[in-house]
Amino acid sequence: MSQAAGKPQEHDNEDDFYDCQETLTSSDQRQDVEGETGQQEAEQADRMQEKEHIDRLQEKEQGDRLQGDRLQEEERDNRLQEEERGDRLQEEEQGDRLHSNRLQEEEEEQGKRLQEKEQCGRLLEESDSEMKEGEGQEVEFDDEYLREAEKELTEEEKESRRQQSLALKEKGNSQFKAGGWLEAERSYTESLVLCPVCFSRERAVLYSNRAAARLHMDLKDQAISDCSRALELNPDYVRALLRRAELYEQTNKLDEALEDYQKVLDRDPNHTSARQACMRPVGPYT
């Protein structure tokens, strides 16, 4: 019994031994698997770290590029602003030069106007002096010179001179009607001095009136000259034509007289005096 009982015990111990081996073998395998898994995890962690490092480097490079682009944009903006400031400064300098040139031109123009007014004033004074030098002395007016001298007169100044001239003409008419030929002739001359040359019709009347006064003073050549000046200013001035025709006839310039009478009839076919003069026999004036 004791031996029989002992054998099964040995069998149990042998099973336990093998069981123990198998157990040990499974534990080693687990350790190997766990080691491999840890290694894989470590390798994966390394790869992740490397990838993160690469991503950080790329982000840094991208950030550097963006910063470089911003710096370039800022530099371009600064250059554009400097160019704009330079352009504005050049425009301001150019504007200042133009303003200065305009001021200089205005000063020069004003100086010229003052000189021309002074010249005009001297001419008027000289005309007044010549007018008063002697009885019957003819005063000639250089219309071109007067026209240039009067360019700088304002319209108000011209109209003021015209009104003064008309007042002197009325004074001369009154003197003429009263028989004051010399006084009338002087008033008409003073009126011509004041009357601007742009008022050609008014000046034509003044020349014709002065011719009438000189006719009574027996200054026939000067009277003819005045009529001619009147007709230069107003070729259709019938009274000046008729007056010059009569003066030509009185000075025995019959061809010229007949020509002027015919011009009167051309302008006024019903003019009695001109028609009768053309029908008179040609001969010396008596």
Protein backbone atom coordinates (compact mmCIF):
# COMPACT_ATOMS: atom_id res chain seq x y z
CA MET A 1 0.00 0.00 0.00
CA SER A 2 2.72 2.35 0.93
CA GLN A 3 4.58 1.77 -2.30
CA ALA A 4 1.44 1.95 -4.31
CA ALA A 5 0.60 5.11 -2.69
CA GLY A 6 4.03 6.51 -3.29
CA LYS A 7 4.07 6.12 -7.05
CA PRO A 8 1.21 8.31 -7.76
CA GLN A 9 2.96 10.96 -5.74
CA GLU A 10 5.98 10.82 -7.99
CA HIS A 11 3.72 11.13 -10.98
CA ASP A 12 2.19 14.23 -9.54
CA ASN A 13 5.58 15.76 -8.94
CA GLU A 14 6.58 15.07 -12.54
CA ASP A 15 3.44 16.78 -13.84
CA ASP A 16 4.13 19.73 -11.64
CA PHE A 17 7.62 19.97 -13.02
CA TYR A 18 6.45 20.14 -16.58
CA ASP A 19 3.80 22.55 -15.66
CA CYS A 20 6.44 24.74 -14.15
CA GLN A 21 8.52 24.64 -17.36
CA GLU A 22 5.59 25.58 -19.43
CA THR A 23 4.85 28.41 -17.10
CA LEU A 24 8.36 29.68 -17.28
CA THR A 25 8.35 29.49 -21.04
CA SER A 26 5.12 31.54 -21.30
CA SER A 27 6.53 34.18 -18.97
CA ASP A 28 9.66 34.58 -21.10
CA GLN A 29 7.58 34.90 -24.19
CA ARG A 30 5.50 37.60 -22.59
CA GLN A 31 8.62 39.43 -21.59
CA ASP A 32 9.92 39.22 -25.17
CA VAL A 33 6.64 40.51 -26.54
CA GLU A 34 6.56 43.26 -24.04
CA GLY A 35 10.16 44.15 -24.92
CA GLU A 36 9.34 44.28 -28.60
CA THR A 37 6.26 46.33 -27.90
CA GLY A 38 8.26 48.76 -25.77
CA GLN A 39 10.85 49.05 -28.48
CA GLN A 40 8.19 49.72 -31.08
CA GLU A 41 6.60 52.29 -28.83
CA ALA A 42 9.98 53.89 -28.27
CA GLU A 43 10.67 53.94 -31.98
CA GLN A 44 7.22 55.39 -32.63
CA ALA A 45 7.82 57.99 -29.95
CA ASP A 46 11.16 58.86 -31.60
CA ARG A 47 9.45 59.16 -34.96
CA MET A 48 6.77 61.37 -33.46
CA GLN A 49 9.40 63.55 -31.83
CA GLU A 50 11.33 63.77 -35.08
CA LYS A 51 8.14 64.64 -36.98
CA GLU A 52 7.26 67.28 -34.40
CA HIS A 53 10.79 68.64 -34.69
CA ILE A 54 10.50 68.78 -38.48
CA ASP A 55 7.07 70.45 -38.20
CA ARG A 56 8.50 73.02 -35.83
CA LEU A 57 11.37 73.67 -38.21
CA GLN A 58 8.95 74.09 -41.12
CA GLU A 59 6.73 76.40 -39.08
CA LYS A 60 9.80 78.41 -38.12
CA GLU A 61 10.94 78.59 -41.75
CA GLN A 62 7.45 79.65 -42.83
CA GLY A 63 7.36 82.25 -40.07
CA ASP A 64 10.78 83.53 -41.15
CA ARG A 65 9.57 83.75 -44.75
CA LEU A 66 6.43 85.63 -43.67
CA GLN A 67 8.49 88.01 -41.58
CA GLY A 68 10.87 88.51 -44.53
CA ASP A 69 7.90 89.25 -46.78
CA ARG A 70 6.55 91.76 -44.27
CA LEU A 71 9.94 93.41 -44.05
CA GLN A 72 10.11 93.66 -47.84
CA GLU A 73 6.60 95.12 -47.96
CA GLU A 74 7.54 97.63 -45.28
CA GLU A 75 10.66 98.57 -47.24
CA ARG A 76 8.59 99.00 -50.41
CA ASP A 77 6.04 101.10 -48.50
CA ASN A 78 8.84 103.23 -47.07
CA ARG A 79 10.37 103.73 -50.53
CA LEU A 80 6.95 104.67 -51.95
CA GLN A 81 6.35 107.14 -49.11
CA GLU A 82 9.79 108.67 -49.65
CA GLU A 83 9.13 108.94 -53.38
CA GLU A 84 5.74 110.54 -52.71
CA ARG A 85 7.31 113.00 -50.27
CA GLY A 86 9.98 113.78 -52.85
CA ASP A 87 7.33 114.32 -55.53
CA ARG A 88 5.33 116.59 -53.21
CA LEU A 89 8.44 118.59 -52.39
CA GLN A 90 9.24 118.96 -56.09
CA GLU A 91 5.66 120.03 -56.82
CA GLU A 92 5.78 122.54 -53.97
CA GLU A 93 9.11 123.89 -55.18
CA GLN A 94 7.77 124.11 -58.73
CA GLY A 95 4.62 125.83 -57.45
CA ASP A 96 6.74 128.29 -55.49
CA ARG A 97 8.82 129.03 -58.60
CA LEU A 98 5.67 129.54 -60.70
CA HIS A 99 4.17 131.81 -58.04
CA SER A 100 7.39 133.78 -57.87
CA ASN A 101 7.49 134.08 -61.67
CA ARG A 102 3.85 135.26 -61.72
CA LEU A 103 4.59 137.86 -59.09
CA GLN A 104 7.60 139.05 -61.05
CA GLU A 105 5.58 139.21 -64.27
CA GLU A 106 2.80 141.12 -62.51
CA GLU A 107 5.33 143.58 -61.09
CA GLU A 108 6.89 144.05 -64.54
CA GLU A 109 3.46 144.47 -66.13
CA GLN A 110 2.45 146.97 -63.47
CA GLY A 111 5.69 148.87 -64.07
CA LYS A 112 4.99 148.96 -67.80
CA ARG A 113 1.46 150.24 -67.18
CA LEU A 114 2.78 152.97 -64.93
CA GLN A 115 5.36 153.97 -67.53
CA GLU A 116 2.74 154.05 -70.27
CA LYS A 117 0.40 156.14 -68.11
CA GLU A 118 3.25 158.54 -67.39
CA GLN A 119 4.02 158.76 -71.09
CA CYS A 120 0.35 159.35 -71.86
CA GLY A 121 0.24 162.07 -69.21
CA ARG A 122 3.35 163.73 -70.63
CA LEU A 123 1.85 163.57 -74.12
CA LEU A 124 -1.34 165.21 -72.91
CA GLU A 125 0.66 167.91 -71.15
CA GLU A 126 2.71 168.49 -74.30
CA SER A 127 -0.49 168.70 -76.33
CA ASP A 128 -1.91 171.26 -73.91
CA SER A 129 1.29 173.31 -74.15
CA GLU A 130 1.29 173.19 -77.93
CA MET A 131 -2.35 174.18 -77.99
CA LYS A 132 -1.61 177.32 -75.98
CA GLU A 133 1.52 178.37 -77.85
CA GLY A 134 -0.18 180.66 -80.34
CA GLU A 135 -3.32 181.61 -82.17
CA GLY A 136 -4.12 179.47 -85.17
CA GLN A 137 -1.21 177.12 -84.57
CA GLU A 138 -2.20 173.58 -85.64
CA VAL A 139 -1.85 170.76 -83.15
CA GLU A 140 -1.30 167.36 -84.75
CA PHE A 141 -2.20 164.20 -82.86
CA ASP A 142 -0.39 160.92 -83.37
CA ASP A 143 -3.33 158.55 -83.06
CA GLU A 144 -1.16 155.43 -83.11
CA TYR A 145 0.95 156.71 -80.25
CA LEU A 146 -2.14 157.74 -78.30
CA ARG A 147 -3.72 154.35 -78.93
CA GLU A 148 -0.69 152.57 -77.48
CA ALA A 149 -0.53 154.95 -74.53
CA GLU A 150 -4.22 154.49 -73.75
CA LYS A 151 -4.13 150.67 -73.75
CA GLU A 152 -3.56 150.60 -70.02
CA LEU A 153 -6.46 152.92 -69.23
CA THR A 154 -9.43 151.20 -67.61
CA GLU A 155 -12.87 151.41 -69.18
CA GLU A 156 -13.95 153.75 -66.37
CA GLU A 157 -11.00 156.06 -67.06
CA LYS A 158 -11.76 156.09 -70.78
CA GLU A 159 -15.41 156.90 -70.17
CA SER A 160 -14.43 159.66 -67.74
CA ARG A 161 -12.18 161.24 -70.39
CA ARG A 162 -14.98 160.91 -72.94
CA GLN A 163 -17.42 162.78 -70.69
CA GLN A 164 -14.88 165.57 -70.08
CA SER A 165 -14.31 165.75 -73.84
CA LEU A 166 -18.05 166.06 -74.52
CA ALA A 167 -18.32 168.89 -71.98
CA LEU A 168 -15.53 170.78 -73.78
CA LYS A 169 -17.21 170.16 -77.13
CA GLU A 170 -20.45 171.70 -75.84
CA LYS A 171 -18.45 174.64 -74.57
CA GLY A 172 -16.89 175.04 -78.03
CA ASN A 173 -20.31 174.86 -79.69
CA SER A 174 -21.56 177.68 -77.48
CA GLN A 175 -18.50 179.77 -78.27
CA PHE A 176 -18.91 179.05 -81.99
CA LYS A 177 -22.54 180.20 -81.95
CA ALA A 178 -21.48 183.36 -80.17
CA GLY A 179 -18.88 184.09 -82.85
CA GLY A 180 -15.88 183.24 -80.69
CA TRP A 181 -14.02 181.32 -83.40
CA LEU A 182 -10.66 181.30 -81.66
CA GLU A 183 -12.14 180.24 -78.31
CA ALA A 184 -14.20 177.52 -80.03
CA GLU A 185 -11.15 176.25 -81.90
CA ARG A 186 -9.24 175.96 -78.63
CA SER A 187 -12.12 174.17 -76.88
CA TYR A 188 -12.36 171.63 -79.71
CA THR A 189 -8.61 171.07 -79.51
CA GLU A 190 -8.76 170.54 -75.75
CA SER A 191 -11.60 168.12 -76.31
CA LEU A 192 -9.49 166.17 -78.84
CA VAL A 193 -6.68 165.97 -76.28
CA LEU A 194 -8.98 164.31 -73.77
CA CYS A 195 -11.12 162.13 -76.04
CA PRO A 196 -9.68 158.56 -76.20
CA VAL A 197 -8.84 157.40 -79.72
CA CYS A 198 -11.17 154.40 -79.34
CA PHE A 199 -14.13 156.80 -79.66
CA SER A 200 -13.51 157.42 -83.34
CA ARG A 201 -16.94 158.91 -84.18
CA GLU A 202 -16.71 161.46 -81.38
CA ARG A 203 -13.23 162.47 -82.55
CA ALA A 204 -14.48 162.76 -86.14
CA VAL A 205 -17.13 165.27 -85.01
CA LEU A 206 -14.51 167.24 -83.06
CA TYR A 207 -12.22 167.48 -86.11
CA SER A 208 -15.13 168.60 -88.29
CA ASN A 209 -16.20 171.23 -85.74
CA ARG A 210 -12.67 172.55 -85.44
CA ALA A 211 -12.52 172.73 -89.26
CA ALA A 212 -15.61 174.97 -89.19
CA ALA A 213 -13.98 177.26 -86.61
CA ARG A 214 -10.77 177.43 -88.64
CA LEU A 215 -12.74 178.19 -91.78
CA HIS A 216 -14.06 181.33 -90.07
CA MET A 217 -10.51 182.14 -88.99
CA ASP A 218 -9.44 181.87 -92.66
CA LEU A 219 -7.19 178.90 -91.84
CA LYS A 220 -8.45 176.97 -94.85
CA ASP A 221 -5.56 174.55 -95.28
CA GLN A 222 -5.75 173.54 -91.60
CA ALA A 223 -9.52 173.24 -91.94
CA ILE A 224 -9.13 170.91 -94.95
CA SER A 225 -6.68 168.82 -92.93
CA ASP A 226 -9.20 168.57 -90.08
CA CYS A 227 -11.94 167.44 -92.48
CA SER A 228 -9.62 164.79 -93.89
CA ARG A 229 -8.86 163.52 -90.37
CA ALA A 230 -12.58 163.36 -89.65
CA LEU A 231 -13.18 161.33 -92.82
CA GLU A 232 -10.36 158.95 -91.95
CA LEU A 233 -12.18 158.17 -88.71
CA ASN A 234 -15.65 158.08 -90.31
CA PRO A 235 -15.66 157.79 -94.15
CA ASP A 236 -19.47 158.18 -94.28
CA TYR A 237 -19.49 161.47 -92.39
CA VAL A 238 -21.49 163.58 -94.89
CA ARG A 239 -21.04 166.91 -93.09
CA ALA A 240 -17.23 166.57 -93.13
CA LEU A 241 -17.36 165.64 -96.85
CA LEU A 242 -19.51 168.64 -97.69
CA ARG A 243 -17.35 170.97 -95.63
CA ARG A 244 -14.17 169.76 -97.29
CA ALA A 245 -15.80 170.09 -100.74
CA GLU A 246 -16.65 173.71 -99.97
CA LEU A 247 -13.11 174.34 -98.75
CA TYR A 248 -11.64 172.74 -101.86
CA GLU A 249 -13.90 174.96 -103.98
CA GLN A 250 -12.84 178.06 -102.06
CA THR A 251 -9.18 177.20 -102.56
CA ASN A 252 -9.79 176.51 -106.29
CA LYS A 253 -9.16 172.77 -105.98
CA LEU A 254 -12.16 172.14 -108.19
CA ASP A 255 -11.50 168.53 -109.15
CA GLU A 256 -11.20 167.57 -105.49
CA ALA A 257 -14.30 169.61 -104.70
CA LEU A 258 -16.34 167.91 -107.43
CA GLU A 259 -15.17 164.49 -106.22
CA ASP A 260 -16.30 165.24 -102.66
CA TYR A 261 -19.67 166.62 -103.82
CA GLN A 262 -20.20 163.43 -105.80
CA LYS A 263 -19.38 161.34 -102.69
CA VAL A 264 -22.02 163.31 -100.80
CA LEU A 265 -24.59 162.50 -103.50
CA ASP A 266 -23.56 158.84 -103.41
CA ARG A 267 -24.45 158.77 -99.74
CA ASP A 268 -27.42 161.15 -99.92
CA PRO A 269 -28.87 161.46 -103.47
CA ASN A 270 -31.36 164.13 -102.32
CA HIS A 271 -28.75 166.48 -100.89
CA THR A 272 -29.62 169.86 -102.48
CA SER A 273 -26.32 171.71 -101.93
CA ALA A 274 -24.22 168.89 -103.37
CA ARG A 275 -26.55 168.51 -106.38
CA GLN A 276 -26.44 172.24 -107.13
CA ALA A 277 -22.64 172.28 -106.75
CA CYS A 278 -22.28 169.44 -109.24
CA MET A 279 -24.49 171.38 -111.73
CA ARG A 280 -22.46 174.61 -111.44
CA PRO A 281 -20.08 175.39 -114.31
CA VAL A 282 -16.47 174.60 -113.52
CA GLY A 283 -14.50 177.74 -112.79
CA PRO A 284 -12.52 179.64 -110.17
CA TYR A 285 -14.27 180.23 -106.86
CA THR A 286 -15.34 183.81 -106.35
